Amino acid sequence: HQNLQYGNQSQAAAPAAPPASSSLEDLVKQLTQRTDASIQNLTTQMGQMANAIGQLQAQGSSNLPAQSVPNPNGNVSAITLR
């Protein structure tokens, strides 16, 4: 039968795979770029948070007295009604 062959068969050589190092280098480069972008975003957000906290502290210090004011009623006694 023509589909059954015995003995030494000559097969065409499989195409060579591209070197894995180049694709690995590309993956590392992409990961590095994404990490750098994430760090830049976090740095920007931290700066924005620091500015917001500074503004809140400035607003809060102008609204609150430096020292507490004593209660003008003095001692207050609680009364329980039945």
PDB file of N, CA and C in Angstrom:
ATOM      1  N   HIS A   1       0.843  -1.168   0.000  1.00  0.00           N
ATOM      2  CA  HIS A   1       0.000   0.000   0.000  1.00  0.00           C
ATOM      3  C   HIS A   1       0.888   1.230   0.000  1.00  0.00           C
ATOM      4  N   GLN A   2       0.472   2.249  -0.707  1.00  0.00           N
ATOM      5  CA  GLN A   2       1.342   3.403  -0.883  1.00  0.00           C
ATOM      6  C   GLN A   2       1.470   4.272   0.358  1.00  0.00           C
ATOM      7  N   ASN A   3       0.477   4.243   1.302  1.00  0.00           N
ATOM      8  CA  ASN A   3       0.563   5.060   2.501  1.00  0.00           C
ATOM      9  C   ASN A   3       1.429   4.425   3.582  1.00  0.00           C
ATOM     10  N   LEU A   4       1.704   3.152   3.469  1.00  0.00           N
ATOM     11  CA  LEU A   4       2.547   2.474   4.438  1.00  0.00           C
ATOM     12  C   LEU A   4       3.950   2.395   3.876  1.00  0.00           C
ATOM     13  N   GLN A   5       4.891   2.971   4.618  1.00  0.00           N
ATOM     14  CA  GLN A   5       6.271   2.938   4.168  1.00  0.00           C
ATOM     15  C   GLN A   5       7.122   2.398   5.301  1.00  0.00           C
ATOM     16  N   TYR A   6       8.033   1.549   4.936  1.00  0.00           N
ATOM     17  CA  TYR A   6       8.939   0.972   5.913  1.00  0.00           C
ATOM     18  C   TYR A   6      10.349   1.376   5.575  1.00  0.00           C
ATOM     19  N   GLY A   7      11.172   1.334   6.580  1.00  0.00           N
ATOM     20  CA  GLY A   7      12.568   1.621   6.327  1.00  0.00           C
ATOM     21  C   GLY A   7      12.896   3.071   6.645  1.00  0.00           C
ATOM     22  N   ASN A   8      13.995   3.546   6.116  1.00  0.00           N
ATOM     23  CA  ASN A   8      14.485   4.890   6.370  1.00  0.00           C
ATOM     24  C   ASN A   8      13.646   5.889   5.580  1.00  0.00           C
ATOM     25  N   GLN A   9      12.949   6.713   6.297  1.00  0.00           N
ATOM     26  CA  GLN A   9      12.112   7.703   5.640  1.00  0.00           C
ATOM     27  C   GLN A   9      12.814   9.052   5.696  1.00  0.00           C
ATOM     28  N   SER A  10      12.835   9.722   4.592  1.00  0.00           N
ATOM     29  CA  SER A  10      13.429  11.053   4.603  1.00  0.00           C
ATOM     30  C   SER A  10      12.306  12.066   4.844  1.00  0.00           C
ATOM     31  N   GLN A  11      12.475  12.823   5.893  1.00  0.00           N
ATOM     32  CA  GLN A  11      11.463  13.824   6.235  1.00  0.00           C
ATOM     33  C   GLN A  11      12.074  15.203   6.058  1.00  0.00           C
ATOM     34  N   ALA A  12      11.240  16.119   5.652  1.00  0.00           N
ATOM     35  CA  ALA A  12      11.709  17.493   5.512  1.00  0.00           C
ATOM     36  C   ALA A  12      11.999  18.044   6.902  1.00  0.00           C
ATOM     37  N   ALA A  13      13.028  18.850   7.000  1.00  0.00           N
ATOM     38  CA  ALA A  13      13.398  19.428   8.292  1.00  0.00           C
ATOM     39  C   ALA A  13      12.324  20.411   8.735  1.00  0.00           C
ATOM     40  N   ALA A  14      12.005  20.359  10.020  1.00  0.00           N
ATOM     41  CA  ALA A  14      11.013  21.278  10.579  1.00  0.00           C
ATOM     42  C   ALA A  14      11.595  22.686  10.573  1.00  0.00           C
ATOM     43  N   PRO A  15      10.756  23.689  10.338  1.00  0.00           N
ATOM     44  CA  PRO A  15      11.284  25.054  10.357  1.00  0.00           C
ATOM     45  C   PRO A  15      11.824  25.393  11.744  1.00  0.00           C
ATOM     46  N   ALA A  16      12.921  26.091  11.744  1.00  0.00           N
ATOM     47  CA  ALA A  16      13.565  26.435  13.012  1.00  0.00           C
ATOM     48  C   ALA A  16      12.700  27.438  13.765  1.00  0.00           C
ATOM     49  N   ALA A  17      12.560  27.204  15.058  1.00  0.00           N
ATOM     50  CA  ALA A  17      11.789  28.113  15.907  1.00  0.00           C
ATOM     51  C   ALA A  17      12.608  29.374  16.140  1.00  0.00           C
ATOM     52  N   PRO A  18      11.940  30.509  16.253  1.00  0.00           N
ATOM     53  CA  PRO A  18      12.701  31.729  16.541  1.00  0.00           C
ATOM     54  C   PRO A  18      13.338  31.613  17.916  1.00  0.00           C
ATOM     55  N   PRO A  19      14.457  32.233  18.104  1.00  0.00           N
ATOM     56  CA  PRO A  19      15.118  32.118  19.400  1.00  0.00           C
ATOM     57  C   PRO A  19      14.221  32.658  20.510  1.00  0.00           C
ATOM     58  N   ALA A  20      14.141  31.896  21.586  1.00  0.00           N
ATOM     59  CA  ALA A  20      13.273  32.263  22.698  1.00  0.00           C
ATOM     60  C   ALA A  20      13.778  33.504  23.411  1.00  0.00           C
ATOM     61  N   SER A  21      15.073  33.775  23.306  1.00  0.00           N
ATOM     62  CA  SER A  21      15.631  34.907  24.040  1.00  0.00           C
ATOM     63  C   SER A  21      15.065  36.233  23.552  1.00  0.00           C
ATOM     64  N   SER A  22      14.814  36.362  22.246  1.00  0.00           N
ATOM     65  CA  SER A  22      14.294  37.641  21.758  1.00  0.00           C
ATOM     66  C   SER A  22      12.880  37.882  22.266  1.00  0.00           C
ATOM     67  N   SER A  23      12.045  36.840  22.272  1.00  0.00           N
ATOM     68  CA  SER A  23      10.691  37.039  22.780  1.00  0.00           C
ATOM     69  C   SER A  23      10.725  37.250  24.290  1.00  0.00           C
ATOM     70  N   LEU A  24      11.636  36.609  24.973  1.00  0.00           N
ATOM     71  CA  LEU A  24      11.777  36.810  26.409  1.00  0.00           C
ATOM     72  C   LEU A  24      12.247  38.231  26.695  1.00  0.00           C
ATOM     73  N   GLU A  25      13.159  38.709  25.881  1.00  0.00           N
ATOM     74  CA  GLU A  25      13.622  40.096  26.040  1.00  0.00           C
ATOM     75  C   GLU A  25      12.481  41.077  25.807  1.00  0.00           C
ATOM     76  N   ASP A  26      11.635  40.788  24.818  1.00  0.00           N
ATOM     77  CA  ASP A  26      10.483  41.656  24.559  1.00  0.00           C
ATOM     78  C   ASP A  26       9.528  41.659  25.747  1.00  0.00           C
ATOM     79  N   LEU A  27       9.290  40.491  26.322  1.00  0.00           N
ATOM     80  CA  LEU A  27       8.404  40.406  27.487  1.00  0.00           C
ATOM     81  C   LEU A  27       8.968  41.190  28.667  1.00  0.00           C
ATOM     82  N   VAL A  28      10.259  41.071  28.887  1.00  0.00           N
ATOM     83  CA  VAL A  28      10.891  41.802  29.988  1.00  0.00           C
ATOM     84  C   VAL A  28      10.812  43.303  29.725  1.00  0.00           C
ATOM     85  N   LYS A  29      11.013  43.703  28.471  1.00  0.00           N
ATOM     86  CA  LYS A  29      10.942  45.126  28.122  1.00  0.00           C
ATOM     87  C   LYS A  29       9.531  45.665  28.357  1.00  0.00           C
ATOM     88  N   GLN A  30       8.515  44.899  27.949  1.00  0.00           N
ATOM     89  CA  GLN A  30       7.128  45.317  28.162  1.00  0.00           C
ATOM     90  C   GLN A  30       6.813  45.414  29.648  1.00  0.00           C
ATOM     91  N   LEU A  31       7.263  44.430  30.405  1.00  0.00           N
ATOM     92  CA  LEU A  31       7.029  44.440  31.849  1.00  0.00           C
ATOM     93  C   LEU A  31       7.698  45.643  32.497  1.00  0.00           C
ATOM     94  N   THR A  32       8.904  45.947  32.059  1.00  0.00           N
ATOM     95  CA  THR A  32       9.626  47.101  32.602  1.00  0.00           C
ATOM     96  C   THR A  32       8.898  48.397  32.274  1.00  0.00           C
ATOM     97  N   GLN A  33       8.414  48.525  31.048  1.00  0.00           N
ATOM     98  CA  GLN A  33       7.692  49.737  30.653  1.00  0.00           C
ATOM     99  C   GLN A  33       6.402  49.888  31.454  1.00  0.00           C
ATOM    100  N   ARG A  34       5.681  48.789  31.638  1.00  0.00           N
ATOM    101  CA  ARG A  34       4.436  48.849  32.412  1.00  0.00           C
ATOM    102  C   ARG A  34       4.716  49.183  33.870  1.00  0.00           C
ATOM    103  N   THR A  35       5.779  48.615  34.403  1.00  0.00           N
ATOM    104  CA  THR A  35       6.137  48.898  35.794  1.00  0.00           C
ATOM    105  C   THR A  35       6.530  50.358  35.954  1.00  0.00           C
ATOM    106  N   ASP A  36       7.312  50.874  35.021  1.00  0.00           N
ATOM    107  CA  ASP A  36       7.701  52.289  35.071  1.00  0.00           C
ATOM    108  C   ASP A  36       6.477  53.195  35.002  1.00  0.00           C
ATOM    109  N   ALA A  37       5.518  52.864  34.133  1.00  0.00           N
ATOM    110  CA  ALA A  37       4.300  53.671  34.010  1.00  0.00           C
ATOM    111  C   ALA A  37       3.487  53.611  35.298  1.00  0.00           C
ATOM    112  N   SER A  38       3.404  52.433  35.908  1.00  0.00           N
ATOM    113  CA  SER A  38       2.663  52.296  37.166  1.00  0.00           C
ATOM    114  C   SER A  38       3.320  53.094  38.279  1.00  0.00           C
ATOM    115  N   ILE A  39       4.630  53.059  38.341  1.00  0.00           N
ATOM    116  CA  ILE A  39       5.350  53.825  39.367  1.00  0.00           C
ATOM    117  C   ILE A  39       5.129  55.316  39.153  1.00  0.00           C
ATOM    118  N   GLN A  40       5.139  55.762  37.908  1.00  0.00           N
ATOM    119  CA  GLN A  40       4.902  57.181  37.614  1.00  0.00           C
ATOM    120  C   GLN A  40       3.495  57.587  38.037  1.00  0.00           C
ATOM    121  N   ASN A  41       2.502  56.730  37.758  1.00  0.00           N
ATOM    122  CA  ASN A  41       1.128  57.021  38.171  1.00  0.00           C
ATOM    123  C   ASN A  41       1.016  57.094  39.687  1.00  0.00           C
ATOM    124  N   LEU A  42       1.646  56.169  40.381  1.00  0.00           N
ATOM    125  CA  LEU A  42       1.606  56.180  41.846  1.00  0.00           C
ATOM    126  C   LEU A  42       2.290  57.417  42.407  1.00  0.00           C
ATOM    127  N   THR A  43       3.385  57.818  41.799  1.00  0.00           N
ATOM    128  CA  THR A  43       4.088  59.023  42.245  1.00  0.00           C
ATOM    129  C   THR A  43       3.200  60.252  42.080  1.00  0.00           C
ATOM    130  N   THR A  44       2.507  60.332  40.954  1.00  0.00           N
ATOM    131  CA  THR A  44       1.593  61.451  40.713  1.00  0.00           C
ATOM    132  C   THR A  44       0.467  61.456  41.740  1.00  0.00           C
ATOM    133  N   GLN A  45      -0.106  60.288  42.002  1.00  0.00           N
ATOM    134  CA  GLN A  45      -1.203  60.197  42.967  1.00  0.00           C
ATOM    135  C   GLN A  45      -0.738  60.552  44.371  1.00  0.00           C
ATOM    136  N   MET A  46       0.464  60.135  44.732  1.00  0.00           N
ATOM    137  CA  MET A  46       0.991  60.479  46.058  1.00  0.00           C
ATOM    138  C   MET A  46       1.170  61.988  46.191  1.00  0.00           C
ATOM    139  N   GLY A  47       1.645  62.635  45.144  1.00  0.00           N
ATOM    140  CA  GLY A  47       1.787  64.087  45.161  1.00  0.00           C
ATOM    141  C   GLY A  47       0.442  64.782  45.302  1.00  0.00           C
ATOM    142  N   GLN A  48      -0.568  64.276  44.588  1.00  0.00           N
ATOM    143  CA  GLN A  48      -1.905  64.853  44.690  1.00  0.00           C
ATOM    144  C   GLN A  48      -2.472  64.669  46.096  1.00  0.00           C
ATOM    145  N   MET A  49      -2.248  63.506  46.679  1.00  0.00           N
ATOM    146  CA  MET A  49      -2.730  63.261  48.043  1.00  0.00           C
ATOM    147  C   MET A  49      -2.023  64.170  49.040  1.00  0.00           C
ATOM    148  N   ALA A  50      -0.738  64.369  48.872  1.00  0.00           N
ATOM    149  CA  ALA A  50       0.008  65.247  49.773  1.00  0.00           C
ATOM    150  C   ALA A  50      -0.512  66.677  49.673  1.00  0.00           C
ATOM    151  N   ASN A  51      -0.813  67.134  48.455  1.00  0.00           N
ATOM    152  CA  ASN A  51      -1.377  68.474  48.286  1.00  0.00           C
ATOM    153  C   ASN A  51      -2.743  68.582  48.952  1.00  0.00           C
ATOM    154  N   ALA A  52      -3.583  67.570  48.778  1.00  0.00           N
ATOM    155  CA  ALA A  52      -4.921  67.592  49.374  1.00  0.00           C
ATOM    156  C   ALA A  52      -4.834  67.597  50.898  1.00  0.00           C
ATOM    157  N   ILE A  53      -3.932  66.806  51.458  1.00  0.00           N
ATOM    158  CA  ILE A  53      -3.762  66.771  52.915  1.00  0.00           C
ATOM    159  C   ILE A  53      -3.267  68.117  53.417  1.00  0.00           C
ATOM    160  N   GLY A  54      -2.343  68.719  52.705  1.00  0.00           N
ATOM    161  CA  GLY A  54      -1.848  70.039  53.092  1.00  0.00           C
ATOM    162  C   GLY A  54      -2.954  71.084  53.090  1.00  0.00           C
ATOM    163  N   GLN A  55      -3.819  71.040  52.079  1.00  0.00           N
ATOM    164  CA  GLN A  55      -4.933  71.987  52.018  1.00  0.00           C
ATOM    165  C   GLN A  55      -5.915  71.750  53.159  1.00  0.00           C
ATOM    166  N   LEU A  56      -6.205  70.484  53.457  1.00  0.00           N
ATOM    167  CA  LEU A  56      -7.121  70.176  54.559  1.00  0.00           C
ATOM    168  C   LEU A  56      -6.545  70.624  55.891  1.00  0.00           C
ATOM    169  N   GLN A  57      -5.254  70.441  56.069  1.00  0.00           N
ATOM    170  CA  GLN A  57      -4.628  70.883  57.314  1.00  0.00           C
ATOM    171  C   GLN A  57      -4.677  72.398  57.428  1.00  0.00           C
ATOM    172  N   ALA A  58      -4.470  73.104  56.340  1.00  0.00           N
ATOM    173  CA  ALA A  58      -4.513  74.567  56.371  1.00  0.00           C
ATOM    174  C   ALA A  58      -5.927  75.058  56.666  1.00  0.00           C
ATOM    175  N   GLN A  59      -6.921  74.422  56.089  1.00  0.00           N
ATOM    176  CA  GLN A  59      -8.308  74.807  56.342  1.00  0.00           C
ATOM    177  C   GLN A  59      -8.712  74.480  57.774  1.00  0.00           C
ATOM    178  N   GLY A  60      -8.307  73.314  58.240  1.00  0.00           N
ATOM    179  CA  GLY A  60      -8.679  72.883  59.586  1.00  0.00           C
ATOM    180  C   GLY A  60      -8.063  73.752  60.655  1.00  0.00           C
ATOM    181  N   SER A  61      -6.843  74.207  60.469  1.00  0.00           N
ATOM    182  CA  SER A  61      -6.182  75.001  61.498  1.00  0.00           C
ATOM    183  C   SER A  61      -6.807  76.383  61.617  1.00  0.00           C
ATOM    184  N   SER A  62      -7.425  76.899  60.548  1.00  0.00           N
ATOM    185  CA  SER A  62      -8.046  78.218  60.636  1.00  0.00           C
ATOM    186  C   SER A  62      -9.441  78.142  61.240  1.00  0.00           C
ATOM    187  N   ASN A  63     -10.064  76.969  61.234  1.00  0.00           N
ATOM    188  CA  ASN A  63     -11.423  76.834  61.751  1.00  0.00           C
ATOM    189  C   ASN A  63     -11.467  76.440  63.218  1.00  0.00           C
ATOM    190  N   LEU A  64     -10.439  75.844  63.728  1.00  0.00           N
ATOM    191  CA  LEU A  64     -10.448  75.355  65.099  1.00  0.00           C
ATOM    192  C   LEU A  64      -9.629  76.278  65.991  1.00  0.00           C
ATOM    193  N   PRO A  65     -10.120  76.512  67.213  1.00  0.00           N
ATOM    194  CA  PRO A  65      -9.336  77.339  68.131  1.00  0.00           C
ATOM    195  C   PRO A  65      -8.090  76.593  68.588  1.00  0.00           C
ATOM    196  N   ALA A  66      -7.087  77.360  68.963  1.00  0.00           N
ATOM    197  CA  ALA A  66      -5.839  76.754  69.411  1.00  0.00           C
ATOM    198  C   ALA A  66      -6.031  76.026  70.733  1.00  0.00           C
ATOM    199  N   GLN A  67      -6.893  76.568  71.593  1.00  0.00           N
ATOM    200  CA  GLN A  67      -7.162  75.928  72.880  1.00  0.00           C
ATOM    201  C   GLN A  67      -8.665  75.788  73.044  1.00  0.00           C
ATOM    202  N   SER A  68      -9.059  74.780  73.787  1.00  0.00           N
ATOM    203  CA  SER A  68     -10.486  74.549  73.982  1.00  0.00           C
ATOM    204  C   SER A  68     -11.079  75.614  74.896  1.00  0.00           C
ATOM    205  N   VAL A  69     -12.370  75.873  74.715  1.00  0.00           N
ATOM    206  CA  VAL A  69     -13.086  76.857  75.526  1.00  0.00           C
ATOM    207  C   VAL A  69     -13.816  76.103  76.627  1.00  0.00           C
ATOM    208  N   PRO A  70     -13.652  76.507  77.900  1.00  0.00           N
ATOM    209  CA  PRO A  70     -14.351  75.800  78.979  1.00  0.00           C
ATOM    210  C   PRO A  70     -15.864  75.986  78.860  1.00  0.00           C
ATOM    211  N   ASN A  71     -16.589  74.993  79.344  1.00  0.00           N
ATOM    212  CA  ASN A  71     -18.045  75.026  79.319  1.00  0.00           C
ATOM    213  C   ASN A  71     -18.534  76.164  80.208  1.00  0.00           C
ATOM    214  N   PRO A  72     -19.337  77.110  79.687  1.00  0.00           N
ATOM    215  CA  PRO A  72     -19.790  78.233  80.515  1.00  0.00           C
ATOM    216  C   PRO A  72     -20.778  77.816  81.598  1.00  0.00           C
ATOM    217  N   ASN A  73     -21.364  76.639  81.488  1.00  0.00           N
ATOM    218  CA  ASN A  73     -22.330  76.184  82.493  1.00  0.00           C
ATOM    219  C   ASN A  73     -21.649  75.586  83.710  1.00  0.00           C
ATOM    220  N   GLY A  74     -20.383  75.412  83.694  1.00  0.00           N
ATOM    221  CA  GLY A  74     -19.687  74.821  84.832  1.00  0.00           C
ATOM    222  C   GLY A  74     -20.031  73.359  84.962  1.00  0.00           C
ATOM    223  N   ASN A  75     -20.345  72.942  86.182  1.00  0.00           N
ATOM    224  CA  ASN A  75     -20.712  71.548  86.424  1.00  0.00           C
ATOM    225  C   ASN A  75     -22.170  71.340  86.057  1.00  0.00           C
ATOM    226  N   VAL A  76     -22.444  70.296  85.357  1.00  0.00           N
ATOM    227  CA  VAL A  76     -23.810  69.963  84.970  1.00  0.00           C
ATOM    228  C   VAL A  76     -24.146  68.628  85.588  1.00  0.00           C
ATOM    229  N   SER A  77     -25.298  68.576  86.268  1.00  0.00           N
ATOM    230  CA  SER A  77     -25.752  67.331  86.876  1.00  0.00           C
ATOM    231  C   SER A  77     -26.839  66.726  86.006  1.00  0.00           C
ATOM    232  N   ALA A  78     -26.812  65.435  85.883  1.00  0.00           N
ATOM    233  CA  ALA A  78     -27.820  64.741  85.096  1.00  0.00           C
ATOM    234  C   ALA A  78     -29.011  64.423  85.976  1.00  0.00           C
ATOM    235  N   ILE A  79     -30.211  64.562  85.451  1.00  0.00           N
ATOM    236  CA  ILE A  79     -31.440  64.259  86.177  1.00  0.00           C
ATOM    237  C   ILE A  79     -32.135  63.138  85.429  1.00  0.00           C
ATOM    238  N   THR A  80     -32.512  62.103  86.157  1.00  0.00           N
ATOM    239  CA  THR A  80     -33.216  60.977  85.566  1.00  0.00           C
ATOM    240  C   THR A  80     -34.682  61.075  85.946  1.00  0.00           C
ATOM    241  N   LEU A  81     -35.562  61.061  84.978  1.00  0.00           N
ATOM    242  CA  LEU A  81     -37.003  61.104  85.221  1.00  0.00           C
ATOM    243  C   LEU A  81     -37.568  59.706  85.118  1.00  0.00           C
ATOM    244  N   ARG A  82     -38.577  59.442  86.006  1.00  0.00           N
ATOM    245  CA  ARG A  82     -39.217  58.128  85.961  1.00  0.00           C
ATOM    246  C   ARG A  82     -40.504  58.192  85.212  1.00  0.00           C
TER     247      ARG A  82
END
